[in-house]
C-alpha cells in the first residue's frame, strides 16, 4: 500500500511540473484563458487542440478538486 501511495505522489509531482512548464501557443491563448463552461474550438489539423484542451482540463481539476 505504501508503494502505491508513493507512486501516486511521484506521479502528481511530475504532472504538476508539466502543468507549470506548459506554455500555450499564441493562437490558443484565448482558448486556454476562457472561463466559459462550454467552448467550441475549430482549427486546422495538428495545431495543438487536444494538447491545449488537456491542459485546460488538468488545470480545472487542480484548481477545483472534487469537481465532477
Protein backbone atom coordinates (compact mmCIF):
# COMPACT_ATOMS: atom_id res chain seq x y z
CA UNK A 1 0.00 0.00 0.00
CA UNK A 2 2.84 2.40 0.80
CA UNK A 3 4.46 1.80 -2.59
CA UNK A 4 1.27 2.70 -4.43
CA UNK A 5 0.85 5.86 -2.35
CA UNK A 6 4.45 6.83 -3.10
CA UNK A 7 3.86 6.16 -6.80
CA UNK A 8 0.77 8.37 -6.80
CA UNK A 9 2.68 11.18 -5.08
CA UNK A 10 5.54 10.88 -7.57
CA UNK A 11 3.11 10.95 -10.47
CA UNK A 12 1.42 14.04 -9.06
CA UNK A 13 4.77 15.81 -8.76
CA UNK A 14 5.62 15.02 -12.38
CA UNK A 15 2.21 16.10 -13.60
CA UNK A 16 2.47 19.34 -11.62
CA UNK A 17 5.81 20.06 -13.31
CA UNK A 18 4.23 19.57 -16.73
CA UNK A 19 1.42 21.97 -15.85
CA UNK A 20 3.91 24.58 -14.71
CA UNK A 21 6.12 24.15 -17.78
CA UNK A 22 3.28 24.25 -20.33
CA UNK A 23 3.23 27.40 -22.44
CA UNK A 24 0.15 27.82 -24.64
CA UNK A 25 0.78 28.84 -28.21
CA UNK A 26 -0.16 32.43 -29.03
CA UNK A 27 -3.07 31.27 -31.19
CA UNK A 28 -4.56 29.16 -28.37
CA UNK A 29 -4.11 31.63 -25.51
CA UNK A 30 -7.70 32.90 -25.76
CA UNK A 31 -8.97 29.32 -25.59
CA UNK A 32 -6.88 28.44 -22.55
CA UNK A 33 -7.84 31.63 -20.69
CA UNK A 34 -11.57 31.37 -21.46
CA UNK A 35 -13.60 30.57 -18.35
CA UNK A 36 -16.91 29.74 -20.02
CA UNK A 37 -18.42 26.36 -19.34
CA UNK A 38 -18.74 25.29 -22.99
CA UNK A 39 -16.37 26.22 -25.76
CA UNK A 40 -16.38 25.32 -29.44
CA UNK A 41 -12.90 25.15 -30.88
CA UNK A 42 -12.27 24.95 -34.62
CA UNK A 43 -8.78 24.94 -36.02
CA UNK A 44 -6.60 23.29 -38.62
CA UNK A 45 -5.06 19.85 -38.21
CA UNK A 46 -2.09 19.41 -35.88
CA UNK A 47 -2.17 22.84 -34.21
CA UNK A 48 -2.47 21.54 -30.65
CA UNK A 49 -6.21 21.45 -29.97
CA UNK A 50 -6.03 18.21 -27.96
CA UNK A 51 -2.92 19.24 -26.03
CA UNK A 52 -4.39 22.61 -25.09
CA UNK A 53 -7.76 21.09 -24.15
CA UNK A 54 -5.98 18.53 -21.96
CA UNK A 55 -4.04 21.34 -20.27
CA UNK A 56 -7.25 23.28 -19.71
CA UNK A 57 -8.94 20.22 -18.18
CA UNK A 58 -5.94 19.41 -15.98
CA UNK A 59 -5.78 22.97 -14.66
CA UNK A 60 -9.51 22.91 -13.91
CA UNK A 61 -9.08 19.67 -11.97
CA UNK A 62 -6.12 21.04 -9.99
CA UNK A 63 -7.84 24.33 -9.20
CA UNK A 64 -11.19 22.76 -8.25
CA UNK A 65 -10.60 19.35 -6.62
CA UNK A 66 -13.70 17.26 -6.12
CA UNK A 67 -15.34 18.67 -9.24
CA UNK A 68 -17.28 16.12 -11.26
